Amino acid sequence: MNMAPIALHGLPKRLVDDHLIEPQDLKAATTSAKMAKISLVQYLCEKNLVSDKAIGNSAAKEFGIPIYALEQHHQDSVPKDLIDSKLLKKHQVMPLVQRGNRLFVAIADPTNHRALNEIQFQTGVAVEPVLALYSSITGALDKWLAKSADQDMGEVLGTIDDVHLDDLDMEAVDEDVSGASETGGDDEAPIVRFINKMLIDAIKLGASDIHFEPYEKSYRVRFRVDGILREIARPPTNLARRLAARLKVMSRMDISERRIPQDGRVKLKLSKNKSIDFRVNTLPLQFGEKVVLRILDASSAQLGISALGYEEDQKAIYMDALARPQGMILITGPTGSGKTVSLYTGLNILNTAERNISTAEDPIEINMDGINQTQINMRAGLSFAEALRAFLRQDPDIVMVGEIRDLETAEIAIKAAQTGHLVLSTLHTNSAPETLTRLLNMGVPAFNVATSVNLIIAQRLGRKLCSACREPFIDIPDNVLNEEGFDDIGIDKKDFNIFKPVGCTQCTNGYKGRVGIYETLRISPALSKIIMEGGSSLNILEAALGEGFRTIRVSALRKAAKGQISIEEANRITKD
């Protein structure tokens, strides 16, 4: 039986005529793109079926227009707050400039009328498409959105000075406030001003945690900046109880209870549109109560996967796993390695009106619209396992479990992954291959592990070198590089750009910000066979290396070779 010929026109016809893709493959891709509700070009690029450069060249020939060099575009001319960021990321388009009633946007497919019409409807201005490469658009868009978020926050913080520290708008976030008291705290102006200043300074420095620590003869406040604790202040020791009382009042805790740990949340309203959440925890110590505040940055999950530090092949593997209708994605690493941000970034990609997403978390770190988030409450009997059981009766498409801690949770999560659900979770292991043996040691049958787990990501966070002051690290002997492992990272030595930290007014000891370092282990049929045969983590690692797997050590050295982190930092986070 002969198949009916496929009617092609426009860009798809050009792709076939240029021998970039077979007609039958194009038909299948078109169907899949429609099901995923994305453009054909986006689907072809993300699935690596056709290179974005080849598509760009074909589009340029088809429409008789040049490819715009988006890398050279000045982002200062990009109109702010004109188009919703969700709409930009949905269609992968980049606004360029507005001239009168016309808005020029970079797009990989100028015939993507759905995207152009939606943007025109939202903005109320005429939209003019400009042809650009898909990879250029995704990179520029992630960079611009991250920069815009930083600028907005900087503008807000810049308006707050010492005069306004008394007037900051604090709002406690209700979780379980039974027994909480709003009275009894000493709201003296100096105490309020000091704590408010610490919170603002922490946000300005990009800290992740604030520690208020009482000792017998001293009291100190420390910030965790880029993963390293720094001492910031030493207030008088006699203020210890009043500082703890103020922090507890802010977060709706019971100020009369000093014998047991307590949890709470605070929302700091910086402006009408900007707010920062803090997770607060108290711990009784010998000489008072230690209070730690975790700064919860909701914008971190909105940056996009390109901003996290994944290399292109690693990003493609993660995106492919997210596109699957069922199975399990596990993210592993120590505390503070960025697992939560990776999870939320994946959820943000999956968060569409067509999907029902449920999460069980302890605690809920980032509030996300469109996702059903459940706070684990062990005292009330709501464990991860109980939450999972409830999710399966709620018609879910995607389930996120904050952490797999026991066999019961692991078994229910695997059952969900085997019955048509995509499950995302975290596990505390040092590497991706070890994660598989950890599940087996928990008591999960090897067959279930082999058939349900799609992808394991192990990660660390490394401090980025400050671009303003870093200096080239020249004349490094080859034997030293070889000893570190640079001879086996897949980058030619002539392309190395190794830098060392210096230090300036814009950074901390030569470092500013952090970048993710990853190893991505896709469970192939060969690995599944080893798992079912009871192979060790070493057997799994050996087979994975044969399939092109890169360890987290190699990933760190690649980032050092590209000048993103120093060799010392690569050794600090990945060397045994």
Protein backbone atom coordinates (compact mmCIF):
# COMPACT_ATOMS: atom_id res chain seq x y z
CA MET A 1 0.00 0.00 0.00
CA ASN A 2 1.47 3.32 -1.09
CA MET A 3 1.43 6.17 1.39
CA ALA A 4 -0.14 9.43 0.31
CA PRO A 5 2.42 12.04 -0.61
CA ILE A 6 3.10 14.75 1.96
CA ALA A 7 2.12 18.25 0.88
CA LEU A 8 4.95 20.59 1.79
CA HIS A 9 5.33 24.32 1.43
CA GLY A 10 7.29 27.21 2.88
CA LEU A 11 10.14 26.47 5.29
CA PRO A 12 9.38 22.71 5.72
CA LYS A 13 9.61 22.25 1.94
CA ARG A 14 12.90 24.13 1.90
CA LEU A 15 14.31 21.88 4.66
CA VAL A 16 13.46 18.80 2.59
CA ASP A 17 14.76 20.35 -0.66
CA ASP A 18 18.03 21.18 1.09
CA HIS A 19 18.31 17.50 2.17
CA LEU A 20 18.33 18.43 5.86
CA ILE A 21 15.57 15.99 6.81
CA GLU A 22 13.58 13.23 5.15
CA PRO A 23 9.88 13.92 4.39
CA GLN A 24 8.64 11.11 6.64
CA ASP A 25 10.82 12.31 9.53
CA LEU A 26 9.54 15.84 8.98
CA LYS A 27 5.94 14.63 9.11
CA ALA A 28 6.60 12.82 12.39
CA ALA A 29 8.36 15.90 13.81
CA THR A 30 5.45 18.15 12.77
CA THR A 31 2.98 15.87 14.56
CA SER A 32 5.13 15.72 17.70
CA ALA A 33 5.61 19.51 17.71
CA LYS A 34 1.85 20.04 17.52
CA MET A 35 1.30 17.62 20.42
CA ALA A 36 3.95 19.43 22.47
CA LYS A 37 2.40 22.79 21.43
CA ILE A 38 5.72 24.21 20.24
CA SER A 39 6.91 25.38 16.84
CA LEU A 40 8.43 22.94 14.36
CA VAL A 41 11.77 24.77 14.41
CA GLN A 42 11.90 24.63 18.22
CA TYR A 43 11.18 20.89 18.14
CA LEU A 44 13.82 20.18 15.47
CA CYS A 45 16.48 22.14 17.37
CA GLU A 46 15.73 20.76 20.84
CA LYS A 47 15.68 17.18 19.55
CA ASN A 48 18.90 17.78 17.54
CA LEU A 49 17.19 16.54 14.37
CA VAL A 50 18.49 19.52 12.36
CA SER A 51 21.08 22.08 13.45
CA ASP A 52 19.79 25.59 14.09
CA LYS A 53 22.46 27.00 11.77
CA ALA A 54 21.23 24.81 8.89
CA ILE A 55 17.62 25.83 9.58
CA GLY A 56 18.65 29.49 9.70
CA ASN A 57 20.44 29.25 6.34
CA SER A 58 17.43 27.54 4.74
CA ALA A 59 15.04 30.13 6.18
CA ALA A 60 17.27 32.96 4.92
CA LYS A 61 17.16 31.49 1.40
CA GLU A 62 13.44 30.77 1.54
CA PHE A 63 12.36 34.25 2.68
CA GLY A 64 15.20 36.26 1.16
CA ILE A 65 16.21 37.84 4.47
CA PRO A 66 19.55 37.79 6.29
CA ILE A 67 20.22 36.14 9.66
CA TYR A 68 20.46 38.77 12.39
CA ALA A 69 23.61 38.55 14.56
CA LEU A 70 21.81 38.57 17.90
CA GLU A 71 25.09 38.35 19.82
CA GLN A 72 25.94 41.88 18.65
CA HIS A 73 22.60 43.38 19.69
CA HIS A 74 22.77 45.96 22.50
CA GLN A 75 20.42 44.70 25.20
CA ASP A 76 19.96 48.23 26.55
CA SER A 77 17.61 48.86 23.61
CA VAL A 78 15.35 45.91 24.52
CA PRO A 79 11.96 47.22 25.77
CA LYS A 80 11.35 46.25 29.39
CA ASP A 81 8.05 45.05 30.84
CA LEU A 82 6.37 45.09 27.42
CA ILE A 83 6.01 41.34 26.96
CA ASP A 84 5.40 38.80 29.72
CA SER A 85 8.50 36.65 30.28
CA LYS A 86 6.39 33.45 30.24
CA LEU A 87 5.19 34.30 26.74
CA LEU A 88 8.75 34.95 25.56
CA LYS A 89 9.98 31.63 26.93
CA LYS A 90 6.94 29.76 25.65
CA HIS A 91 7.64 30.77 22.04
CA GLN A 92 11.43 31.36 22.39
CA VAL A 93 11.40 34.84 20.88
CA MET A 94 13.57 37.79 21.87
CA PRO A 95 12.32 41.40 21.76
CA LEU A 96 14.85 43.68 20.09
CA VAL A 97 13.62 47.27 19.84
CA GLN A 98 10.39 49.26 19.67
CA ARG A 99 10.03 52.02 17.12
CA GLY A 100 6.76 53.88 17.43
CA ASN A 101 3.94 51.39 17.02
CA ARG A 102 6.21 48.60 15.74
CA LEU A 103 8.01 46.00 17.83
CA PHE A 104 10.86 44.01 16.28
CA VAL A 105 11.39 40.51 17.69
CA ALA A 106 14.03 37.88 16.92
CA ILE A 107 12.47 34.54 15.96
CA ALA A 108 13.87 31.34 14.45
CA ASP A 109 10.79 30.78 12.28
CA PRO A 110 9.28 33.94 10.75
CA THR A 111 6.16 31.93 9.77
CA ASN A 112 5.33 31.12 13.41
CA HIS A 113 2.15 33.21 13.25
CA ARG A 114 0.82 31.85 16.54
CA ALA A 115 3.73 33.36 18.46
CA LEU A 116 3.58 36.67 16.58
CA ASN A 117 -0.20 36.97 17.04
CA GLU A 118 -0.05 36.25 20.79
CA ILE A 119 2.69 38.86 21.28
CA GLN A 120 0.76 41.39 19.20
CA PHE A 121 -2.41 40.71 21.21
CA GLN A 122 -0.61 41.23 24.52
CA THR A 123 1.37 44.33 23.53
CA GLY A 124 -1.16 46.04 21.30
CA VAL A 125 1.53 46.99 18.77
CA ALA A 126 2.48 45.62 15.35
CA VAL A 127 5.08 42.84 15.57
CA GLU A 128 7.84 42.58 12.96
CA PRO A 129 9.78 39.28 12.86
CA VAL A 130 13.57 39.28 12.51
CA LEU A 131 15.30 36.00 11.57
CA ALA A 132 17.87 34.72 14.10
CA LEU A 133 19.39 31.36 15.04
CA TYR A 134 17.46 29.39 17.65
CA SER A 135 20.51 28.88 19.92
CA SER A 136 21.29 32.61 19.77
CA ILE A 137 17.73 33.45 20.81
CA THR A 138 17.65 31.03 23.76
CA GLY A 139 21.03 32.22 25.03
CA ALA A 140 20.23 35.94 24.64
CA LEU A 141 16.78 35.51 26.17
CA ASP A 142 18.05 33.70 29.29
CA LYS A 143 20.82 36.28 29.71
CA TRP A 144 18.46 39.24 29.28
CA LEU A 145 15.81 37.85 31.67
CA ALA A 146 18.46 37.17 34.33
CA LYS A 147 19.94 40.66 33.85
CA SER A 148 16.50 42.29 34.00
CA ALA A 149 15.69 40.52 37.25
CA ASP A 150 19.00 41.65 38.78
CA GLN A 151 18.49 45.26 37.60
CA ASP A 152 14.95 45.39 38.96
CA MET A 153 16.11 44.12 42.32
CA GLY A 154 19.06 46.53 42.28
CA GLU A 155 16.79 49.49 41.57
CA VAL A 156 14.51 48.55 44.45
CA LEU A 157 17.38 47.98 46.89
CA GLY A 158 19.04 51.20 45.79
CA THR A 159 16.05 53.17 47.07
CA ILE A 160 16.42 51.69 50.57
CA ASP A 161 18.82 53.57 52.80
CA ASP A 162 19.38 53.72 56.53
CA VAL A 163 16.59 56.27 56.93
CA HIS A 164 13.98 53.78 55.67
CA LEU A 165 15.14 50.73 57.62
CA ASP A 166 12.41 51.30 60.22
CA ASP A 167 9.69 51.26 57.56
CA LEU A 168 10.33 47.94 55.80
CA ASP A 169 7.16 45.94 55.27
CA MET A 170 7.46 42.55 56.98
CA GLU A 171 4.77 39.96 56.65
CA ALA A 172 4.72 36.58 58.36
CA VAL A 173 3.73 33.68 56.16
CA ASP A 174 1.19 31.39 57.80
CA GLU A 175 2.18 27.75 57.85
CA ASP A 176 1.38 26.07 61.14
CA VAL A 177 1.00 28.95 63.55
CA SER A 178 -0.77 27.15 66.40
CA GLY A 179 0.63 28.54 69.61
CA ALA A 180 2.26 31.45 67.83
CA SER A 181 2.32 34.75 69.58
CA GLU A 182 2.58 38.22 68.14
CA THR A 183 3.26 39.84 71.47
CA GLY A 184 6.06 39.83 73.92
CA GLY A 185 8.90 40.63 71.55
CA ASP A 186 11.00 43.71 72.21
CA ASP A 187 10.42 45.89 69.17
CA GLU A 188 12.91 48.53 70.16
CA ALA A 189 13.95 50.66 67.21
CA PRO A 190 17.67 49.70 67.33
CA ILE A 191 16.84 45.98 67.21
CA VAL A 192 14.41 46.44 64.32
CA ARG A 193 16.88 48.59 62.39
CA PHE A 194 19.77 46.16 62.90
CA ILE A 195 17.81 43.10 61.74
CA ASN A 196 16.35 44.96 58.75
CA LYS A 197 19.82 46.12 57.77
CA MET A 198 21.14 42.55 57.97
CA LEU A 199 18.33 41.34 55.71
CA ILE A 200 18.90 44.09 53.12
CA ASP A 201 22.70 43.65 53.19
CA ALA A 202 22.31 39.91 52.69
CA ILE A 203 20.10 40.43 49.62
CA LYS A 204 22.54 43.02 48.20
CA LEU A 205 25.49 40.63 48.65
CA GLY A 206 23.59 37.73 47.07
CA ALA A 207 23.73 35.63 50.26
CA SER A 208 21.80 32.36 50.53
CA ASP A 209 21.67 32.13 54.35
CA ILE A 210 21.95 34.42 57.39
CA HIS A 211 23.21 33.00 60.71
CA PHE A 212 22.52 34.72 64.08
CA GLU A 213 24.77 32.88 66.56
CA PRO A 214 24.98 33.37 70.36
CA TYR A 215 28.07 32.33 72.34
CA GLU A 216 29.12 32.76 75.97
CA LYS A 217 31.11 35.96 75.50
CA SER A 218 30.23 37.02 71.96
CA TYR A 219 27.50 37.16 69.33
CA ARG A 220 28.07 37.08 65.62
CA VAL A 221 26.13 37.35 62.37
CA ARG A 222 27.38 35.45 59.31
CA PHE A 223 26.26 35.39 55.67
CA ARG A 224 26.75 32.46 53.32
CA VAL A 225 27.86 34.06 50.06
CA ASP A 226 28.72 31.86 47.07
CA GLY A 227 28.68 28.83 49.37
CA ILE A 228 31.22 30.25 51.87
CA LEU A 229 30.32 31.67 55.30
CA ARG A 230 31.54 35.23 56.04
CA GLU A 231 31.39 37.06 59.35
CA ILE A 232 29.48 40.32 58.92
CA ALA A 233 28.77 41.79 62.36
CA ARG A 234 29.35 41.30 66.10
CA PRO A 235 26.49 42.93 68.02
CA PRO A 236 26.68 43.13 71.85
CA THR A 237 26.14 39.81 73.61
CA ASN A 238 23.39 41.22 75.83
CA LEU A 239 21.19 41.69 72.73
CA ALA A 240 21.07 37.95 71.97
CA ARG A 241 17.66 37.28 73.53
CA ARG A 242 16.07 40.42 72.05
CA LEU A 243 17.41 39.64 68.54
CA ALA A 244 16.00 36.11 68.74
CA ALA A 245 12.66 37.44 70.06
CA ARG A 246 12.36 39.95 67.21
CA LEU A 247 13.12 37.30 64.58
CA LYS A 248 10.56 34.95 66.15
CA VAL A 249 7.87 37.65 66.24
CA MET A 250 8.53 38.43 62.55
CA SER A 251 8.05 34.77 61.59
CA ARG A 252 5.02 34.07 63.84
CA MET A 253 6.78 31.72 66.23
CA ASP A 254 6.05 31.20 69.92
CA ILE A 255 8.47 33.58 71.61
CA SER A 256 7.93 31.96 75.01
CA GLU A 257 9.22 28.59 73.76
CA ARG A 258 13.04 28.44 73.90
CA ARG A 259 13.53 24.70 74.52
CA ILE A 260 12.69 23.21 71.10
CA PRO A 261 13.45 24.15 67.48
CA GLN A 262 10.82 26.13 65.59
CA ASP A 263 10.16 26.90 61.93
CA GLY A 264 8.58 29.93 60.31
CA ARG A 265 8.58 32.13 57.21
CA VAL A 266 8.86 35.86 56.59
CA LYS A 267 8.02 37.86 53.48
CA LEU A 268 9.97 41.09 53.06
CA LYS A 269 8.10 43.47 50.75
CA LEU A 270 10.65 45.67 48.98
CA SER A 271 8.12 47.37 46.72
CA LYS A 272 4.66 46.86 45.26
CA ASN A 273 5.96 44.21 42.84
CA LYS A 274 9.09 42.89 44.58
CA SER A 275 9.27 40.70 47.64
CA ILE A 276 11.72 38.21 49.12
CA ASP A 277 10.78 35.17 51.23
CA PHE A 278 12.87 33.95 54.15
CA ARG A 279 12.62 30.52 55.75
CA VAL A 280 13.41 30.87 59.47
CA ASN A 281 14.59 28.16 61.86
CA THR A 282 15.54 28.41 65.53
CA LEU A 283 17.77 26.00 67.43
CA PRO A 284 18.32 26.03 71.23
CA LEU A 285 22.03 26.26 72.10
CA GLN A 286 23.94 26.39 75.36
CA PHE A 287 23.96 30.20 75.49
CA GLY A 288 20.73 31.09 73.71
CA GLU A 289 18.92 30.42 70.45
CA LYS A 290 20.63 30.30 67.09
CA VAL A 291 18.45 31.61 64.25
CA VAL A 292 19.14 30.82 60.59
CA LEU A 293 17.31 32.49 57.74
CA ARG A 294 17.35 30.90 54.28
CA ILE A 295 16.74 33.43 51.49
CA LEU A 296 14.27 31.95 49.02
CA ASP A 297 14.71 33.48 45.59
CA ALA A 298 11.64 32.70 43.46
CA SER A 299 13.31 34.19 40.37
CA SER A 300 16.04 31.51 40.38
CA ALA A 301 13.61 28.95 38.98
CA GLN A 302 12.54 31.35 36.24
CA LEU A 303 15.98 31.91 34.75
CA GLY A 304 15.79 28.99 32.34
CA ILE A 305 17.92 25.90 32.01
CA SER A 306 20.65 27.68 30.00
CA ALA A 307 21.44 29.96 32.94
CA LEU A 308 22.19 27.06 35.32
CA GLY A 309 25.49 26.01 33.73
CA TYR A 310 24.49 22.84 31.85
CA GLU A 311 26.63 22.11 28.81
CA GLU A 312 24.74 21.72 25.56
CA ASP A 313 24.77 17.91 25.54
CA GLN A 314 23.79 17.78 29.23
CA LYS A 315 20.98 20.27 28.62
CA ALA A 316 19.72 18.16 25.69
CA ILE A 317 19.68 15.01 27.88
CA TYR A 318 17.71 16.80 30.65
CA MET A 319 15.22 18.30 28.19
CA ASP A 320 14.72 14.92 26.54
CA ALA A 321 13.96 13.32 29.93
CA LEU A 322 11.49 16.13 30.76
CA ALA A 323 9.71 15.55 27.44
CA ARG A 324 8.98 11.89 28.27
CA PRO A 325 5.46 11.10 29.45
CA GLN A 326 6.56 8.79 32.27
CA GLY A 327 9.58 7.62 34.22
CA MET A 328 11.72 9.07 36.97
CA ILE A 329 14.31 11.87 37.04
CA LEU A 330 16.56 11.92 40.12
CA ILE A 331 18.76 14.87 41.10
CA THR A 332 21.49 14.16 43.66
CA GLY A 333 24.14 16.06 45.52
CA PRO A 334 25.02 17.40 48.98
CA THR A 335 23.05 20.09 50.82
CA GLY A 336 23.41 23.46 49.12
CA SER A 337 24.37 22.04 45.71
CA GLY A 338 21.42 23.58 43.86
CA LYS A 339 19.22 20.49 43.59
CA THR A 340 16.06 22.44 44.39
CA VAL A 341 16.71 25.05 41.69
CA SER A 342 17.32 22.31 39.10
CA LEU A 343 14.04 20.65 40.11
CA TYR A 344 12.04 23.88 40.02
CA THR A 345 13.57 24.83 36.67
CA GLY A 346 12.39 21.51 35.24
CA LEU A 347 8.93 22.04 36.76
CA ASN A 348 8.79 25.55 35.32
CA ILE A 349 9.45 24.13 31.84
CA LEU A 350 6.69 21.54 32.34
CA ASN A 351 4.23 24.00 33.91
CA THR A 352 1.52 24.42 31.27
CA ALA A 353 -2.26 24.60 31.44
CA GLU A 354 -2.50 21.07 30.01
CA ARG A 355 -0.60 19.40 32.87
CA ASN A 356 -1.56 18.67 36.47
CA ILE A 357 1.59 19.00 38.59
CA SER A 358 1.69 18.08 42.29
CA THR A 359 4.66 18.43 44.64
CA ALA A 360 5.39 17.18 48.15
CA GLU A 361 8.05 19.32 49.83
CA ASP A 362 9.63 19.76 53.24
CA PRO A 363 9.64 22.72 53.30
CA ILE A 364 8.10 24.53 50.30
CA GLU A 365 10.98 26.76 49.25
CA ILE A 366 9.59 28.55 46.19
CA ASN A 367 5.92 29.30 45.53
CA MET A 368 4.99 28.64 41.90
CA ASP A 369 1.69 29.55 40.24
CA GLY A 370 0.01 26.67 38.45
CA ILE A 371 1.63 23.96 40.60
CA ASN A 372 -0.12 22.19 43.50
CA GLN A 373 2.41 22.32 46.33
CA THR A 374 1.94 20.30 49.54
CA GLN A 375 3.87 20.96 52.75
CA ILE A 376 4.93 17.77 54.53
CA ASN A 377 3.76 17.70 58.17
CA MET A 378 5.11 14.70 60.06
CA ARG A 379 3.38 15.70 63.31
CA ALA A 380 0.01 15.53 61.57
CA GLY A 381 0.92 12.25 59.86
CA LEU A 382 1.46 13.74 56.39
CA SER A 383 4.67 12.08 55.21
CA PHE A 384 6.13 11.96 51.70
CA ALA A 385 4.61 8.51 51.27
CA GLU A 386 1.14 9.66 52.38
CA ALA A 387 1.30 12.71 50.12
CA LEU A 388 2.29 10.51 47.17
CA ARG A 389 -0.64 8.16 47.79
CA ALA A 390 -2.98 11.14 47.78
CA PHE A 391 -1.41 12.54 44.58
CA LEU A 392 -2.14 9.32 42.70
CA ARG A 393 -5.86 9.83 43.43
CA GLN A 394 -5.69 13.43 42.15
CA ASP A 395 -5.29 12.64 38.44
CA PRO A 396 -1.67 13.84 38.23
CA ASP A 397 0.52 14.10 35.13
CA ILE A 398 3.72 15.07 36.93
CA VAL A 399 4.72 14.44 40.52
CA MET A 400 7.65 15.99 42.40
CA VAL A 401 8.84 14.48 45.67
CA GLY A 402 11.16 16.72 47.62
CA GLU A 403 13.36 13.85 48.80
CA ILE A 404 13.27 10.05 48.76
CA ARG A 405 14.21 9.16 52.34
CA ASP A 406 12.94 5.61 52.81
CA LEU A 407 11.85 2.44 51.03
CA GLU A 408 8.12 3.22 51.30
CA THR A 409 8.50 6.59 49.51
CA ALA A 410 10.82 5.06 46.90
CA GLU A 411 8.37 2.24 46.12
CA ILE A 412 5.37 4.56 45.69
CA ALA A 413 7.42 6.97 43.54
CA ILE A 414 8.56 4.12 41.30
CA LYS A 415 5.00 2.80 41.08
CA ALA A 416 3.90 6.25 39.93
CA ALA A 417 6.71 6.35 37.35
CA GLN A 418 5.62 2.97 35.99
CA THR A 419 1.95 3.90 35.68
CA GLY A 420 2.12 6.79 33.26
CA HIS A 421 3.46 9.61 35.44
CA LEU A 422 6.65 11.65 35.25
CA VAL A 423 8.28 11.72 38.70
CA LEU A 424 11.01 14.13 39.78
CA SER A 425 12.84 13.79 43.08
CA THR A 426 16.14 14.20 44.94
CA LEU A 427 18.43 11.78 46.73
CA HIS A 428 21.52 12.36 48.85
CA THR A 429 24.38 10.57 47.08
CA ASN A 430 27.79 11.69 45.84
CA SER A 431 27.53 10.62 42.19
CA ALA A 432 25.01 9.46 39.61
CA PRO A 433 26.16 5.78 39.46
CA GLU A 434 26.05 5.55 43.28
CA THR A 435 22.41 6.63 43.21
CA LEU A 436 21.37 3.40 41.53
CA THR A 437 23.11 1.24 44.13
CA ARG A 438 21.61 3.43 46.90
CA LEU A 439 18.11 2.60 45.65
CA LEU A 440 19.01 -1.09 45.51
CA ASN A 441 20.41 -0.92 49.06
CA MET A 442 17.16 0.69 50.22
CA GLY A 443 15.42 -2.50 49.13
CA VAL A 444 13.95 -1.42 45.78
CA PRO A 445 13.95 -4.42 43.39
CA ALA A 446 16.54 -4.16 40.63
CA PHE A 447 13.90 -4.65 37.93
CA ASN A 448 11.91 -1.64 39.17
CA VAL A 449 15.01 0.56 39.26
CA ALA A 450 16.09 -0.46 35.76
CA THR A 451 12.67 0.10 34.18
CA SER A 452 11.55 3.28 35.94
CA VAL A 453 14.61 5.57 36.27
CA ASN A 454 15.24 7.59 33.08
CA LEU A 455 17.89 10.06 34.17
CA ILE A 456 20.13 10.81 37.14
CA ILE A 457 21.79 14.21 37.55
CA ALA A 458 24.53 14.70 40.14
CA GLN A 459 25.56 18.28 40.75
CA ARG A 460 27.69 20.73 42.70
CA LEU A 461 27.90 24.52 42.78
CA GLY A 462 31.23 26.16 42.01
CA ARG A 463 32.19 29.79 42.60
CA LYS A 464 32.53 31.69 39.33
CA LEU A 465 35.61 33.76 38.68
CA CYS A 466 35.00 37.50 38.67
CA SER A 467 35.10 38.63 35.05
CA ALA A 468 36.33 42.10 36.08
CA CYS A 469 39.57 41.05 37.79
CA ARG A 470 40.46 37.46 36.82
CA GLU A 471 43.91 36.99 35.31
CA PRO A 472 45.16 34.39 32.81
CA PHE A 473 46.97 31.47 34.40
CA ILE A 474 49.85 31.07 31.96
CA ASP A 475 52.84 28.75 31.69
CA ILE A 476 51.28 25.85 33.56
CA PRO A 477 53.50 22.77 33.02
CA ASP A 478 51.85 20.03 30.97
CA ASN A 479 52.64 17.43 33.61
CA VAL A 480 50.72 19.46 36.22
CA LEU A 481 47.70 19.69 33.91
CA ASN A 482 47.90 15.97 33.18
CA GLU A 483 48.06 15.14 36.90
CA GLU A 484 44.86 17.13 37.45
CA GLY A 485 43.16 15.24 34.61
CA PHE A 486 43.05 17.93 31.90
CA ASP A 487 44.33 15.48 29.28
CA ASP A 488 41.02 13.63 29.26
CA ILE A 489 38.32 16.34 29.21
CA GLY A 490 37.62 16.47 25.48
CA ILE A 491 39.04 19.99 24.92
CA ASP A 492 42.25 20.61 22.96
CA LYS A 493 45.01 22.22 25.06
CA LYS A 494 45.41 25.04 22.56
CA ASP A 495 41.81 26.05 23.36
CA PHE A 496 42.38 26.23 27.14
CA ASN A 497 41.57 29.57 28.78
CA ILE A 498 42.58 28.97 32.38
CA PHE A 499 42.28 31.93 34.77
CA LYS A 500 43.09 32.55 38.43
CA PRO A 501 41.25 34.68 41.03
CA VAL A 502 42.60 38.12 41.98
CA GLY A 503 40.01 40.15 43.91
CA CYS A 504 38.47 43.58 43.43
CA THR A 505 35.70 45.82 44.77
CA GLN A 506 33.10 44.00 42.68
CA CYS A 507 33.72 40.50 44.09
CA THR A 508 34.79 38.42 47.08
CA ASN A 509 38.39 37.18 46.86
CA GLY A 510 38.16 36.97 43.09
CA TYR A 511 34.82 35.14 42.93
CA LYS A 512 31.35 36.41 42.11
CA GLY A 513 28.28 34.21 41.75
CA ARG A 514 28.09 30.44 41.31
CA VAL A 515 27.65 28.05 38.42
CA GLY A 516 26.33 24.51 38.37
CA ILE A 517 28.62 21.57 37.62
CA TYR A 518 26.83 18.42 36.51
CA GLU A 519 27.08 14.81 35.50
CA THR A 520 24.06 13.45 33.61
CA LEU A 521 23.56 9.70 33.52
CA ARG A 522 20.94 8.51 31.04
CA ILE A 523 19.80 4.97 31.78
CA SER A 524 20.42 3.10 28.53
CA PRO A 525 19.43 -0.52 27.78
CA ALA A 526 23.03 -1.60 28.52
CA LEU A 527 22.95 0.08 31.95
CA SER A 528 19.51 -1.40 32.67
CA LYS A 529 20.96 -4.85 32.02
CA ILE A 530 23.84 -4.25 34.45
CA ILE A 531 21.39 -3.05 37.13
CA MET A 532 19.18 -6.12 36.75
CA GLU A 533 22.26 -8.36 36.94
CA GLY A 534 23.17 -6.79 40.28
CA GLY A 535 26.18 -4.80 39.06
CA SER A 536 28.01 -2.42 41.40
CA SER A 537 28.35 1.35 40.97
CA LEU A 538 31.83 0.74 39.49
CA ASN A 539 30.34 -1.59 36.85
CA ILE A 540 27.70 1.02 36.04
CA LEU A 541 30.34 3.79 35.86
CA GLU A 542 32.58 1.74 33.54
CA ALA A 543 29.69 1.02 31.14
CA ALA A 544 28.50 4.64 31.25
CA LEU A 545 31.98 5.96 30.42
CA GLY A 546 31.95 3.73 27.38
CA GLU A 547 28.73 5.49 26.28
CA GLY A 548 30.24 8.97 26.56
CA PHE A 549 29.30 9.75 30.17
CA ARG A 550 31.29 12.60 31.80
CA THR A 551 31.96 12.52 35.52
CA ILE A 552 31.43 15.57 37.67
CA ARG A 553 35.22 15.91 37.97
CA VAL A 554 35.59 16.14 34.19
CA SER A 555 32.73 18.66 34.02
CA ALA A 556 34.49 20.83 36.62
CA LEU A 557 37.81 20.70 34.74
CA ARG A 558 36.02 21.63 31.50
CA LYS A 559 34.63 24.73 33.20
CA ALA A 560 38.13 25.55 34.49
CA ALA A 561 39.53 25.14 30.96
CA LYS A 562 36.88 27.56 29.69
CA GLY A 563 37.77 30.16 32.33
CA GLN A 564 34.51 29.96 34.30
CA ILE A 565 36.00 28.62 37.53
CA SER A 566 39.53 28.30 38.90
CA ILE A 567 41.49 25.06 39.18
CA GLU A 568 41.45 25.51 42.98
CA GLU A 569 37.67 25.71 42.95
CA ALA A 570 37.39 22.63 40.73
CA ASN A 571 39.56 20.75 43.23
CA ARG A 572 37.59 22.07 46.22
CA ILE A 573 34.26 20.75 45.05
CA THR A 574 35.15 17.62 43.09
CA LYS A 575 38.51 16.21 44.19
CA ASP A 576 38.32 13.31 46.61
